[in-house]
Amino acid sequence: RLSGVRPPFQRLVYPVPEVVGGLGVHATIDWAGTSTKFGPDVEWMDEQLTNPDDIHYNLQGASRAAGFYAEIRKYWPGLPDDSLQPDYAGVRPKMAQPNVSL
């Protein structure tokens, strides 16, 4: 979630979808126009993972944040450092890993 900064856009922003699956890190604005959120990013999980209790929703450190900033800066180069705060997280299941057919 964006914190302390107004974005230079007033509409949803969807980058060109990624080849390996996913919509890319896009921008969504709430109905009131007062809050902007970015996401999701894609993290492929181990295909052997079968127990939901083994899924970790915690943040993965500075390298993960740097990649998130880099994706947003593809369409907002002026995004200030330290202007994002973690928000909600979830799992969007897919039946197969990238480049694997069912």
N, C-alpha and C. Protein backbone atom coordinates (compact mmCIF):
# COMPACT_ATOMS: atom_id res chain seq x y z
N ARG A 1 0.86 -1.17 0.00
CA ARG A 1 0.00 0.00 0.00
C ARG A 1 0.89 1.22 0.00
N LEU A 2 0.49 2.22 -0.77
CA LEU A 2 1.25 3.46 -0.86
C LEU A 2 1.02 4.28 0.41
N SER A 3 2.07 4.90 0.91
CA SER A 3 1.97 5.65 2.16
C SER A 3 2.68 6.99 2.04
N GLY A 4 1.94 8.08 2.30
CA GLY A 4 2.54 9.40 2.35
C GLY A 4 2.84 10.05 1.02
N VAL A 5 2.40 9.46 -0.08
CA VAL A 5 2.69 9.98 -1.42
C VAL A 5 1.45 9.81 -2.28
N ARG A 6 1.18 10.79 -3.14
CA ARG A 6 0.09 10.64 -4.10
C ARG A 6 0.67 10.12 -5.42
N PRO A 7 0.05 9.13 -6.01
CA PRO A 7 0.55 8.62 -7.29
C PRO A 7 0.26 9.61 -8.41
N PRO A 8 1.00 9.53 -9.52
CA PRO A 8 0.78 10.45 -10.64
C PRO A 8 -0.39 10.02 -11.53
N PHE A 9 -1.13 9.01 -11.15
CA PHE A 9 -2.24 8.51 -11.97
C PHE A 9 -3.50 8.44 -11.12
N GLN A 10 -4.66 8.44 -11.81
CA GLN A 10 -5.94 8.41 -11.12
C GLN A 10 -6.80 7.23 -11.55
N ARG A 11 -6.23 6.35 -12.34
CA ARG A 11 -6.96 5.18 -12.82
C ARG A 11 -6.13 3.93 -12.54
N LEU A 12 -6.76 2.79 -12.71
CA LEU A 12 -6.05 1.52 -12.55
C LEU A 12 -4.92 1.43 -13.57
N VAL A 13 -3.83 0.81 -13.18
CA VAL A 13 -2.69 0.61 -14.08
C VAL A 13 -2.39 -0.88 -14.12
N TYR A 14 -2.49 -1.45 -15.33
CA TYR A 14 -2.15 -2.86 -15.52
C TYR A 14 -1.03 -2.95 -16.55
N PRO A 15 0.17 -3.36 -16.15
CA PRO A 15 1.24 -3.54 -17.12
C PRO A 15 0.94 -4.72 -18.04
N VAL A 16 1.70 -4.83 -19.10
CA VAL A 16 1.55 -5.97 -20.01
C VAL A 16 1.79 -7.25 -19.21
N PRO A 17 0.91 -8.26 -19.34
CA PRO A 17 1.07 -9.50 -18.56
C PRO A 17 2.42 -10.17 -18.81
N GLU A 18 2.91 -10.83 -17.78
CA GLU A 18 4.18 -11.54 -17.87
C GLU A 18 4.01 -12.83 -18.66
N VAL A 19 5.04 -13.21 -19.38
CA VAL A 19 5.00 -14.42 -20.20
C VAL A 19 4.85 -15.67 -19.34
N VAL A 20 5.49 -15.70 -18.17
CA VAL A 20 5.47 -16.90 -17.33
C VAL A 20 4.24 -16.99 -16.45
N GLY A 21 3.29 -16.14 -16.65
CA GLY A 21 2.05 -16.20 -15.87
C GLY A 21 1.97 -15.08 -14.86
N GLY A 22 0.80 -14.54 -14.73
CA GLY A 22 0.60 -13.45 -13.80
C GLY A 22 0.33 -12.15 -14.53
N LEU A 23 -0.31 -11.26 -13.83
CA LEU A 23 -0.68 -9.97 -14.41
C LEU A 23 0.35 -8.89 -14.16
N GLY A 24 1.41 -9.20 -13.50
CA GLY A 24 2.39 -8.19 -13.15
C GLY A 24 1.91 -7.39 -11.95
N VAL A 25 2.77 -6.55 -11.44
CA VAL A 25 2.43 -5.72 -10.28
C VAL A 25 1.64 -4.52 -10.78
N HIS A 26 0.35 -4.51 -10.52
CA HIS A 26 -0.50 -3.44 -11.02
C HIS A 26 -0.96 -2.53 -9.88
N ALA A 27 -1.50 -1.37 -10.24
CA ALA A 27 -1.97 -0.38 -9.27
C ALA A 27 -3.49 -0.38 -9.24
N THR A 28 -4.06 -0.41 -8.05
CA THR A 28 -5.50 -0.27 -7.88
C THR A 28 -5.75 0.86 -6.89
N ILE A 29 -6.82 1.60 -7.15
CA ILE A 29 -7.18 2.75 -6.33
C ILE A 29 -8.55 2.48 -5.74
N ASP A 30 -8.74 2.79 -4.46
CA ASP A 30 -10.04 2.54 -3.84
C ASP A 30 -11.10 3.50 -4.40
N TRP A 31 -12.37 3.22 -4.09
CA TRP A 31 -13.48 4.00 -4.64
C TRP A 31 -13.38 5.47 -4.29
N ALA A 32 -12.90 5.79 -3.10
CA ALA A 32 -12.80 7.19 -2.67
C ALA A 32 -11.60 7.90 -3.30
N GLY A 33 -10.70 7.13 -3.92
CA GLY A 33 -9.52 7.71 -4.53
C GLY A 33 -8.46 8.13 -3.52
N THR A 34 -8.53 7.59 -2.33
CA THR A 34 -7.61 8.01 -1.26
C THR A 34 -6.54 6.98 -0.94
N SER A 35 -6.65 5.78 -1.47
CA SER A 35 -5.69 4.73 -1.15
C SER A 35 -5.30 3.98 -2.42
N THR A 36 -4.01 3.80 -2.62
CA THR A 36 -3.50 3.07 -3.78
C THR A 36 -2.75 1.84 -3.29
N LYS A 37 -3.08 0.71 -3.89
CA LYS A 37 -2.40 -0.55 -3.57
C LYS A 37 -1.74 -1.10 -4.83
N PHE A 38 -0.65 -1.81 -4.64
CA PHE A 38 0.08 -2.42 -5.74
C PHE A 38 0.18 -3.91 -5.50
N GLY A 39 0.08 -4.67 -6.56
CA GLY A 39 0.25 -6.10 -6.43
C GLY A 39 -0.55 -6.82 -7.50
N PRO A 40 -0.54 -8.08 -7.55
CA PRO A 40 0.33 -8.95 -6.75
C PRO A 40 1.65 -9.18 -7.46
N ASP A 41 2.59 -9.69 -6.75
CA ASP A 41 3.76 -10.24 -7.42
C ASP A 41 3.57 -11.76 -7.41
N VAL A 42 4.36 -12.44 -8.18
CA VAL A 42 4.18 -13.89 -8.32
C VAL A 42 5.30 -14.61 -7.61
N GLU A 43 4.93 -15.59 -6.83
CA GLU A 43 5.91 -16.46 -6.19
C GLU A 43 5.44 -17.88 -6.41
N TRP A 44 6.16 -18.63 -7.22
CA TRP A 44 5.79 -20.02 -7.47
C TRP A 44 6.18 -20.84 -6.26
N MET A 45 5.29 -21.72 -5.88
CA MET A 45 5.53 -22.55 -4.69
C MET A 45 6.03 -23.92 -5.11
N ASP A 46 6.69 -24.57 -4.19
CA ASP A 46 7.19 -25.92 -4.43
C ASP A 46 6.02 -26.82 -4.81
N GLU A 47 6.15 -27.51 -5.92
CA GLU A 47 5.04 -28.36 -6.39
C GLU A 47 4.74 -29.51 -5.43
N GLN A 48 5.66 -29.81 -4.53
CA GLN A 48 5.44 -30.87 -3.56
C GLN A 48 4.69 -30.38 -2.32
N LEU A 49 4.47 -29.08 -2.23
CA LEU A 49 3.79 -28.51 -1.07
C LEU A 49 2.32 -28.92 -1.09
N THR A 50 1.90 -29.66 -0.11
CA THR A 50 0.51 -30.12 -0.07
C THR A 50 -0.21 -29.73 1.21
N ASN A 51 0.53 -29.33 2.24
CA ASN A 51 -0.07 -28.98 3.51
C ASN A 51 -0.20 -27.45 3.60
N PRO A 52 -1.43 -26.92 3.68
CA PRO A 52 -1.60 -25.46 3.76
C PRO A 52 -0.89 -24.82 4.95
N ASP A 53 -0.64 -25.58 6.00
CA ASP A 53 0.07 -25.04 7.16
C ASP A 53 1.54 -24.73 6.85
N ASP A 54 2.05 -25.25 5.73
CA ASP A 54 3.44 -25.01 5.36
C ASP A 54 3.62 -23.74 4.54
N ILE A 55 2.53 -23.06 4.21
CA ILE A 55 2.61 -21.82 3.43
C ILE A 55 2.97 -20.68 4.37
N HIS A 56 3.99 -19.92 4.03
CA HIS A 56 4.44 -18.80 4.85
C HIS A 56 4.01 -17.50 4.19
N TYR A 57 3.30 -16.67 4.94
CA TYR A 57 2.81 -15.40 4.43
C TYR A 57 3.68 -14.23 4.86
N ASN A 58 4.79 -14.50 5.51
CA ASN A 58 5.64 -13.41 5.99
C ASN A 58 6.41 -12.77 4.84
N LEU A 59 6.90 -11.57 5.08
CA LEU A 59 7.69 -10.87 4.08
C LEU A 59 9.04 -11.54 3.95
N GLN A 60 9.59 -11.49 2.76
CA GLN A 60 10.83 -12.21 2.50
C GLN A 60 12.07 -11.32 2.48
N GLY A 61 12.00 -10.16 3.10
CA GLY A 61 13.19 -9.34 3.24
C GLY A 61 13.36 -8.28 2.17
N ALA A 62 14.49 -7.58 2.27
CA ALA A 62 14.76 -6.43 1.42
C ALA A 62 14.85 -6.79 -0.06
N SER A 63 15.38 -7.96 -0.39
CA SER A 63 15.50 -8.32 -1.81
C SER A 63 14.12 -8.45 -2.45
N ARG A 64 13.17 -8.95 -1.72
CA ARG A 64 11.80 -9.07 -2.23
C ARG A 64 11.19 -7.69 -2.44
N ALA A 65 11.40 -6.79 -1.49
CA ALA A 65 10.89 -5.42 -1.60
C ALA A 65 11.54 -4.70 -2.78
N ALA A 66 12.83 -4.89 -2.98
CA ALA A 66 13.53 -4.23 -4.09
C ALA A 66 12.93 -4.65 -5.43
N GLY A 67 12.60 -5.92 -5.58
CA GLY A 67 11.98 -6.39 -6.81
C GLY A 67 10.60 -5.81 -7.02
N PHE A 68 9.86 -5.64 -5.94
CA PHE A 68 8.52 -5.06 -6.00
C PHE A 68 8.61 -3.60 -6.45
N TYR A 69 9.52 -2.84 -5.84
CA TYR A 69 9.74 -1.45 -6.25
C TYR A 69 10.14 -1.39 -7.73
N ALA A 70 11.02 -2.27 -8.16
CA ALA A 70 11.49 -2.27 -9.55
C ALA A 70 10.34 -2.48 -10.52
N GLU A 71 9.41 -3.37 -10.20
CA GLU A 71 8.26 -3.62 -11.07
C GLU A 71 7.37 -2.39 -11.17
N ILE A 72 7.11 -1.71 -10.06
CA ILE A 72 6.27 -0.51 -10.07
C ILE A 72 6.97 0.61 -10.83
N ARG A 73 8.28 0.71 -10.69
CA ARG A 73 9.02 1.79 -11.35
C ARG A 73 9.07 1.63 -12.87
N LYS A 74 8.64 0.50 -13.38
CA LYS A 74 8.54 0.36 -14.84
C LYS A 74 7.50 1.31 -15.39
N TYR A 75 6.44 1.61 -14.61
CA TYR A 75 5.43 2.56 -15.07
C TYR A 75 5.34 3.80 -14.18
N TRP A 76 6.06 3.85 -13.06
CA TRP A 76 6.15 5.04 -12.21
C TRP A 76 7.59 5.20 -11.76
N PRO A 77 8.46 5.71 -12.64
CA PRO A 77 9.88 5.83 -12.31
C PRO A 77 10.17 6.69 -11.08
N GLY A 78 9.27 7.62 -10.76
CA GLY A 78 9.50 8.51 -9.63
C GLY A 78 9.01 8.00 -8.29
N LEU A 79 8.66 6.72 -8.20
CA LEU A 79 8.19 6.17 -6.92
C LEU A 79 9.28 6.35 -5.86
N PRO A 80 8.98 7.09 -4.79
CA PRO A 80 10.01 7.32 -3.77
C PRO A 80 10.35 6.04 -2.99
N ASP A 81 11.61 5.93 -2.60
CA ASP A 81 12.02 4.84 -1.72
C ASP A 81 11.21 4.92 -0.42
N ASP A 82 10.96 3.78 0.18
CA ASP A 82 10.28 3.68 1.48
C ASP A 82 8.87 4.25 1.49
N SER A 83 8.20 4.28 0.34
CA SER A 83 6.84 4.82 0.28
C SER A 83 5.78 3.72 0.27
N LEU A 84 6.19 2.47 0.36
CA LEU A 84 5.24 1.36 0.38
C LEU A 84 5.21 0.71 1.76
N GLN A 85 4.02 0.27 2.15
CA GLN A 85 3.84 -0.47 3.39
C GLN A 85 3.21 -1.81 3.05
N PRO A 86 3.59 -2.88 3.75
CA PRO A 86 2.93 -4.17 3.51
C PRO A 86 1.44 -4.06 3.81
N ASP A 87 0.66 -4.82 3.07
CA ASP A 87 -0.79 -4.84 3.27
C ASP A 87 -1.21 -6.30 3.36
N TYR A 88 -2.32 -6.66 2.79
CA TYR A 88 -2.80 -8.03 2.88
C TYR A 88 -2.06 -8.93 1.90
N ALA A 89 -2.11 -10.22 2.15
CA ALA A 89 -1.49 -11.21 1.27
C ALA A 89 -2.45 -12.38 1.12
N GLY A 90 -2.29 -13.11 0.06
CA GLY A 90 -3.13 -14.28 -0.16
C GLY A 90 -2.50 -15.22 -1.15
N VAL A 91 -3.21 -16.28 -1.45
CA VAL A 91 -2.74 -17.28 -2.39
C VAL A 91 -3.72 -17.36 -3.54
N ARG A 92 -3.21 -17.28 -4.75
CA ARG A 92 -4.02 -17.46 -5.95
C ARG A 92 -3.56 -18.77 -6.58
N PRO A 93 -4.30 -19.83 -6.36
CA PRO A 93 -3.84 -21.13 -6.84
C PRO A 93 -3.89 -21.25 -8.36
N LYS A 94 -2.94 -21.97 -8.89
CA LYS A 94 -2.91 -22.34 -10.30
C LYS A 94 -2.66 -23.84 -10.35
N MET A 95 -3.16 -24.47 -11.37
CA MET A 95 -3.05 -25.92 -11.47
C MET A 95 -1.67 -26.41 -11.89
N ALA A 96 -0.88 -25.56 -12.54
CA ALA A 96 0.41 -26.02 -13.04
C ALA A 96 1.44 -24.91 -12.94
N GLN A 97 2.70 -25.31 -12.86
CA GLN A 97 3.81 -24.37 -12.88
C GLN A 97 3.91 -23.78 -14.29
N PRO A 98 4.69 -22.69 -14.47
CA PRO A 98 4.85 -22.12 -15.81
C PRO A 98 5.44 -23.14 -16.78
N ASN A 99 5.01 -23.08 -18.00
CA ASN A 99 5.49 -23.95 -19.08
C ASN A 99 5.23 -25.43 -18.84
N VAL A 100 4.24 -25.74 -18.01
CA VAL A 100 3.86 -27.13 -17.77
C VAL A 100 2.39 -27.27 -18.11
N SER A 101 2.06 -28.21 -18.98
CA SER A 101 0.65 -28.40 -19.33
C SER A 101 0.07 -29.53 -18.48
N LEU A 102 -1.23 -29.49 -18.33
CA LEU A 102 -1.91 -30.52 -17.55
C LEU A 102 -2.29 -31.70 -18.41
